[in-house]
Every structure is written in structure tokens, then in C-alpha cells.
């Protein structure tokens, strides 16, 4: 179960941690795709990046939420 994070007496959503983590994972994947030359072979790169971020976000929610 997801619960709020307390920081300085304020409550934050657990998504405050999960969204940047998913973003960093998608940046690392994008860098790997650029380095291998596979990024140029993608049909619609912006849609791929959005889908990749959503998949990583779902993965982080699944792993961190238990």
C-alpha cells in the first residue's frame, strides 16, 4: 500500500520519488539507444520515449509499492 512521505511536517505523495526515478531510468535508456545507434531506427521517437517513461513508472510503482 502506498503511504505518504513526511518531510518537515509536510506530507508528500510517494509519486514524488517514483516519477524522478522513472525519468532517470528513461534517460539512461535513451542514452544507451543513442550510443548503440538504435535511436535512429525508431519509427516515432517521441512516442517511444513517452511509452518508455510510462513503462518505467509502472515498474517503479509495482516494485516500490510492494
Protein backbone atom coordinates (compact mmCIF):
# COMPACT_ATOMS: atom_id res chain seq x y z
CA UNK A 1 0.00 0.00 0.00
CA UNK A 2 1.28 3.44 -0.87
CA UNK A 3 1.57 5.87 2.01
CA UNK A 4 2.52 9.50 2.25
CA UNK A 5 6.09 10.62 2.85
CA UNK A 6 6.59 13.03 5.71
CA UNK A 7 9.25 15.67 5.20
CA UNK A 8 9.48 18.65 7.53
CA UNK A 9 5.95 18.14 8.76
CA UNK A 10 4.53 18.17 5.24
CA UNK A 11 3.02 15.12 3.56
CA UNK A 12 4.04 14.26 0.02
CA UNK A 13 2.77 11.69 -2.42
CA UNK A 14 5.07 8.70 -2.97
CA UNK A 15 4.98 9.61 -6.66
CA UNK A 16 7.41 12.43 -5.74
CA UNK A 17 10.06 9.71 -5.52
CA UNK A 18 8.80 7.42 -8.27
CA UNK A 19 8.48 9.94 -11.10
CA UNK A 20 12.10 11.19 -10.96
CA UNK A 21 13.32 7.59 -10.68
CA UNK A 22 11.38 6.60 -13.80
CA UNK A 23 12.68 9.70 -15.57
CA UNK A 24 16.30 8.85 -14.76
CA UNK A 25 15.79 5.28 -15.98
CA UNK A 26 14.30 6.54 -19.24
CA UNK A 27 17.20 8.98 -19.69
CA UNK A 28 19.70 6.15 -19.21
CA UNK A 29 17.85 4.03 -21.74
CA UNK A 30 17.74 6.91 -24.21
CA UNK A 31 21.49 7.41 -23.80
CA UNK A 32 22.09 3.70 -24.41
CA UNK A 33 19.94 3.84 -27.55
CA UNK A 34 21.91 6.85 -28.84
CA UNK A 35 25.22 5.14 -28.08
CA UNK A 36 24.28 1.98 -29.96
CA UNK A 37 22.71 3.81 -32.90
CA UNK A 38 19.30 2.22 -32.38
CA UNK A 39 17.61 5.55 -31.69
CA UNK A 40 17.70 6.48 -35.39
CA UNK A 41 15.87 3.26 -36.28
CA UNK A 42 12.80 4.14 -34.17
CA UNK A 43 9.70 4.99 -36.15
CA UNK A 44 8.32 7.68 -33.82
CA UNK A 45 10.99 8.53 -31.21
CA UNK A 46 8.87 10.94 -29.09
CA UNK A 47 6.10 8.36 -28.71
CA UNK A 48 8.66 5.72 -27.83
CA UNK A 49 10.11 7.97 -25.12
CA UNK A 50 6.69 8.62 -23.60
CA UNK A 51 5.83 4.92 -23.66
CA UNK A 52 9.20 4.07 -22.13
CA UNK A 53 8.65 6.57 -19.31
CA UNK A 54 5.17 5.18 -18.61
CA UNK A 55 6.52 1.62 -18.55
CA UNK A 56 9.33 2.59 -16.17
CA UNK A 57 6.86 4.45 -13.97
CA UNK A 58 4.60 1.41 -13.81
CA UNK A 59 7.62 -0.73 -12.95
CA UNK A 60 8.73 1.57 -10.13
CA UNK A 61 5.22 1.73 -8.71
CA UNK A 62 5.00 -2.07 -8.84
CA UNK A 63 8.39 -2.59 -7.20
CA UNK A 64 8.24 0.15 -4.57
CA UNK A 65 4.58 -0.29 -3.61
CA UNK A 66 5.02 -3.96 -2.86
